[in-house]
Amino acid sequence: MKSSEGRAEACCPPPLDGPDLRPVEGDEADEELATLAKAIGHPARVKILRLILRKNSCICGDIVDELPLAQSTVSQHLKVLKDAGLIRGEVDGPRVCYCIEPRAMKRLRALVAAI
């Protein structure tokens, strides 16, 4: 990927300081966990998350290059992950760059750990 550091900063938020103090048990937390679990409930979406985490920066068309899936299929999977709040996408000219939403990933880990 040919991205500058500035582009990564514009897309990817800095890690949040401090713990997320929302409850990890109860009806609301159960609904939240179910929504996040559904978003990662497909192997292609898990691969996309791992790819974005491994790159640790914004990535654009590289996602399609890394997966044996059509562009439209990858776009559908990215939309599910974005709608769940696990990733964010920023328009960068003709491309959209994706990165992990750190707060959502921390929350997913906490909800799963509380099972």
C-alpha atoms as a PDB file:
ATOM      1  CA  MET A   1       0.000   0.000   0.000  1.00  0.00           C
ATOM      2  CA  LYS A   2       1.229   3.424  -0.833  1.00  0.00           C
ATOM      3  CA  SER A   3      -0.114   5.488   2.047  1.00  0.00           C
ATOM      4  CA  SER A   4       1.440   8.254   4.022  1.00  0.00           C
ATOM      5  CA  GLU A   5       1.453   8.354   7.790  1.00  0.00           C
ATOM      6  CA  GLY A   6      -0.914  11.313   7.679  1.00  0.00           C
ATOM      7  CA  ARG A   7      -3.517   9.276   5.830  1.00  0.00           C
ATOM      8  CA  ALA A   8      -3.355   6.526   8.449  1.00  0.00           C
ATOM      9  CA  GLU A   9      -3.879   9.066  11.215  1.00  0.00           C
ATOM     10  CA  ALA A  10      -6.890  10.562   9.422  1.00  0.00           C
ATOM     11  CA  CYS A  11      -8.511   7.149   9.108  1.00  0.00           C
ATOM     12  CA  CYS A  12      -7.431   5.215  12.151  1.00  0.00           C
ATOM     13  CA  PRO A  13      -8.314   6.572  15.570  1.00  0.00           C
ATOM     14  CA  PRO A  14      -5.752   6.507  18.344  1.00  0.00           C
ATOM     15  CA  PRO A  15      -6.256   3.856  21.024  1.00  0.00           C
ATOM     16  CA  LEU A  16      -8.627   4.918  23.786  1.00  0.00           C
ATOM     17  CA  ASP A  17      -7.237   5.476  27.244  1.00  0.00           C
ATOM     18  CA  GLY A  18      -8.984   3.864  30.165  1.00  0.00           C
ATOM     19  CA  PRO A  19     -11.356   0.943  30.412  1.00  0.00           C
ATOM     20  CA  ASP A  20     -14.836   0.708  28.930  1.00  0.00           C
ATOM     21  CA  LEU A  21     -16.995   0.681  32.043  1.00  0.00           C
ATOM     22  CA  ARG A  22     -20.260  -0.408  30.410  1.00  0.00           C
ATOM     23  CA  PRO A  23     -21.713  -3.641  31.829  1.00  0.00           C
ATOM     24  CA  VAL A  24     -20.663  -6.875  30.129  1.00  0.00           C
ATOM     25  CA  GLU A  25     -23.704  -8.765  31.375  1.00  0.00           C
ATOM     26  CA  GLY A  26     -27.413  -8.123  31.074  1.00  0.00           C
ATOM     27  CA  ASP A  27     -29.905  -7.832  28.243  1.00  0.00           C
ATOM     28  CA  GLU A  28     -28.258  -4.851  26.563  1.00  0.00           C
ATOM     29  CA  ALA A  29     -24.800  -6.442  26.674  1.00  0.00           C
ATOM     30  CA  ASP A  30     -26.234  -9.726  25.368  1.00  0.00           C
ATOM     31  CA  GLU A  31     -27.798  -7.899  22.399  1.00  0.00           C
ATOM     32  CA  GLU A  32     -24.536  -6.099  21.718  1.00  0.00           C
ATOM     33  CA  LEU A  33     -22.550  -9.334  21.830  1.00  0.00           C
ATOM     34  CA  ALA A  34     -25.041 -11.050  19.517  1.00  0.00           C
ATOM     35  CA  THR A  35     -24.736  -8.201  16.999  1.00  0.00           C
ATOM     36  CA  LEU A  36     -20.936  -8.278  17.063  1.00  0.00           C
ATOM     37  CA  ALA A  37     -20.857 -12.084  16.907  1.00  0.00           C
ATOM     38  CA  LYS A  38     -23.127 -12.042  13.872  1.00  0.00           C
ATOM     39  CA  ALA A  39     -20.769  -9.575  12.184  1.00  0.00           C
ATOM     40  CA  ILE A  40     -17.787 -11.878  12.691  1.00  0.00           C
ATOM     41  CA  GLY A  41     -19.848 -14.993  11.995  1.00  0.00           C
ATOM     42  CA  HIS A  42     -18.430 -15.518   8.507  1.00  0.00           C
ATOM     43  CA  PRO A  43     -14.885 -16.758   7.809  1.00  0.00           C
ATOM     44  CA  ALA A  44     -14.268 -14.057   5.198  1.00  0.00           C
ATOM     45  CA  ARG A  45     -15.084 -11.329   7.714  1.00  0.00           C
ATOM     46  CA  VAL A  46     -12.744 -12.891  10.265  1.00  0.00           C
ATOM     47  CA  LYS A  47     -10.007 -12.912   7.602  1.00  0.00           C
ATOM     48  CA  ILE A  48     -10.708  -9.272   6.791  1.00  0.00           C
ATOM     49  CA  LEU A  49     -10.434  -8.296  10.463  1.00  0.00           C
ATOM     50  CA  ARG A  50      -7.184 -10.228  10.839  1.00  0.00           C
ATOM     51  CA  LEU A  51      -5.788  -8.612   7.710  1.00  0.00           C
ATOM     52  CA  ILE A  52      -6.639  -5.112   8.906  1.00  0.00           C
ATOM     53  CA  LEU A  53      -5.263  -5.843  12.397  1.00  0.00           C
ATOM     54  CA  ARG A  54      -2.060  -7.282  10.940  1.00  0.00           C
ATOM     55  CA  LYS A  55      -1.482  -4.225   8.733  1.00  0.00           C
ATOM     56  CA  ASN A  56      -2.158  -1.912  11.705  1.00  0.00           C
ATOM     57  CA  SER A  57      -3.027   0.937   9.346  1.00  0.00           C
ATOM     58  CA  CYS A  58      -5.522   1.921   6.727  1.00  0.00           C
ATOM     59  CA  ILE A  59      -5.741  -0.404   3.803  1.00  0.00           C
ATOM     60  CA  CYS A  60      -7.696   0.073   0.628  1.00  0.00           C
ATOM     61  CA  GLY A  61      -7.758  -2.195  -2.410  1.00  0.00           C
ATOM     62  CA  ASP A  62      -5.283  -4.548  -0.739  1.00  0.00           C
ATOM     63  CA  ILE A  63      -8.169  -6.378   0.912  1.00  0.00           C
ATOM     64  CA  VAL A  64      -9.468  -7.646  -2.419  1.00  0.00           C
ATOM     65  CA  ASP A  65      -5.936  -8.636  -3.454  1.00  0.00           C
ATOM     66  CA  GLU A  66      -5.551 -10.729  -0.283  1.00  0.00           C
ATOM     67  CA  LEU A  67      -8.806 -12.700  -0.543  1.00  0.00           C
ATOM     68  CA  PRO A  68     -10.060 -15.135  -3.185  1.00  0.00           C
ATOM     69  CA  LEU A  69     -13.335 -13.204  -3.437  1.00  0.00           C
ATOM     70  CA  ALA A  70     -14.872 -10.810  -5.918  1.00  0.00           C
ATOM     71  CA  GLN A  71     -14.706  -7.079  -5.207  1.00  0.00           C
ATOM     72  CA  SER A  72     -18.480  -6.955  -4.687  1.00  0.00           C
ATOM     73  CA  THR A  73     -18.365  -9.788  -2.146  1.00  0.00           C
ATOM     74  CA  VAL A  74     -15.547  -8.136  -0.216  1.00  0.00           C
ATOM     75  CA  SER A  75     -17.514  -4.870  -0.250  1.00  0.00           C
ATOM     76  CA  GLN A  76     -20.550  -6.638   1.236  1.00  0.00           C
ATOM     77  CA  HIS A  77     -18.431  -8.134   4.020  1.00  0.00           C
ATOM     78  CA  LEU A  78     -16.811  -4.759   4.724  1.00  0.00           C
ATOM     79  CA  LYS A  79     -20.263  -3.183   4.983  1.00  0.00           C
ATOM     80  CA  VAL A  80     -21.345  -5.744   7.599  1.00  0.00           C
ATOM     81  CA  LEU A  81     -18.201  -5.100   9.654  1.00  0.00           C
ATOM     82  CA  LYS A  82     -18.601  -1.346   9.315  1.00  0.00           C
ATOM     83  CA  ASP A  83     -22.307  -1.429  10.228  1.00  0.00           C
ATOM     84  CA  ALA A  84     -21.414  -3.396  13.368  1.00  0.00           C
ATOM     85  CA  GLY A  85     -18.843  -0.722  14.251  1.00  0.00           C
ATOM     86  CA  LEU A  86     -15.838  -3.041  14.136  1.00  0.00           C
ATOM     87  CA  ILE A  87     -14.111  -1.112  11.355  1.00  0.00           C
ATOM     88  CA  ARG A  88     -14.285   2.372   9.959  1.00  0.00           C
ATOM     89  CA  GLY A  89     -13.885   3.481   6.390  1.00  0.00           C
ATOM     90  CA  GLU A  90     -12.672   6.863   5.241  1.00  0.00           C
ATOM     91  CA  VAL A  91     -12.974   8.120   1.675  1.00  0.00           C
ATOM     92  CA  ASP A  92      -9.556   8.951   0.256  1.00  0.00           C
ATOM     93  CA  GLY A  93     -10.094  10.265  -3.247  1.00  0.00           C
ATOM     94  CA  PRO A  94     -11.429   7.411  -5.368  1.00  0.00           C
ATOM     95  CA  ARG A  95     -10.705   4.827  -2.648  1.00  0.00           C
ATOM     96  CA  VAL A  96     -12.007   3.955   0.776  1.00  0.00           C
ATOM     97  CA  CYS A  97      -9.415   3.105   3.411  1.00  0.00           C
ATOM     98  CA  TYR A  98     -10.396   0.765   6.238  1.00  0.00           C
ATOM     99  CA  CYS A  99      -9.025   0.360   9.727  1.00  0.00           C
ATOM    100  CA  ILE A 100     -10.049  -1.267  12.998  1.00  0.00           C
ATOM    101  CA  GLU A 101     -12.262   0.630  15.416  1.00  0.00           C
ATOM    102  CA  PRO A 102     -10.247   0.022  18.620  1.00  0.00           C
ATOM    103  CA  ARG A 103     -13.090   0.740  21.038  1.00  0.00           C
ATOM    104  CA  ALA A 104     -15.359  -1.817  19.353  1.00  0.00           C
ATOM    105  CA  MET A 105     -12.636  -4.472  19.365  1.00  0.00           C
ATOM    106  CA  LYS A 106     -11.967  -3.886  23.070  1.00  0.00           C
ATOM    107  CA  ARG A 107     -15.687  -4.140  23.734  1.00  0.00           C
ATOM    108  CA  LEU A 108     -15.979  -7.397  21.753  1.00  0.00           C
ATOM    109  CA  ARG A 109     -13.102  -8.891  23.735  1.00  0.00           C
ATOM    110  CA  ALA A 110     -14.696  -7.844  27.043  1.00  0.00           C
ATOM    111  CA  LEU A 111     -18.107  -9.220  26.095  1.00  0.00           C
ATOM    112  CA  VAL A 112     -16.653 -12.556  24.991  1.00  0.00           C
ATOM    113  CA  ALA A 113     -14.485 -12.790  28.110  1.00  0.00           C
ATOM    114  CA  ALA A 114     -17.586 -12.320  30.295  1.00  0.00           C
ATOM    115  CA  ILE A 115     -19.333 -15.398  28.889  1.00  0.00           C
END
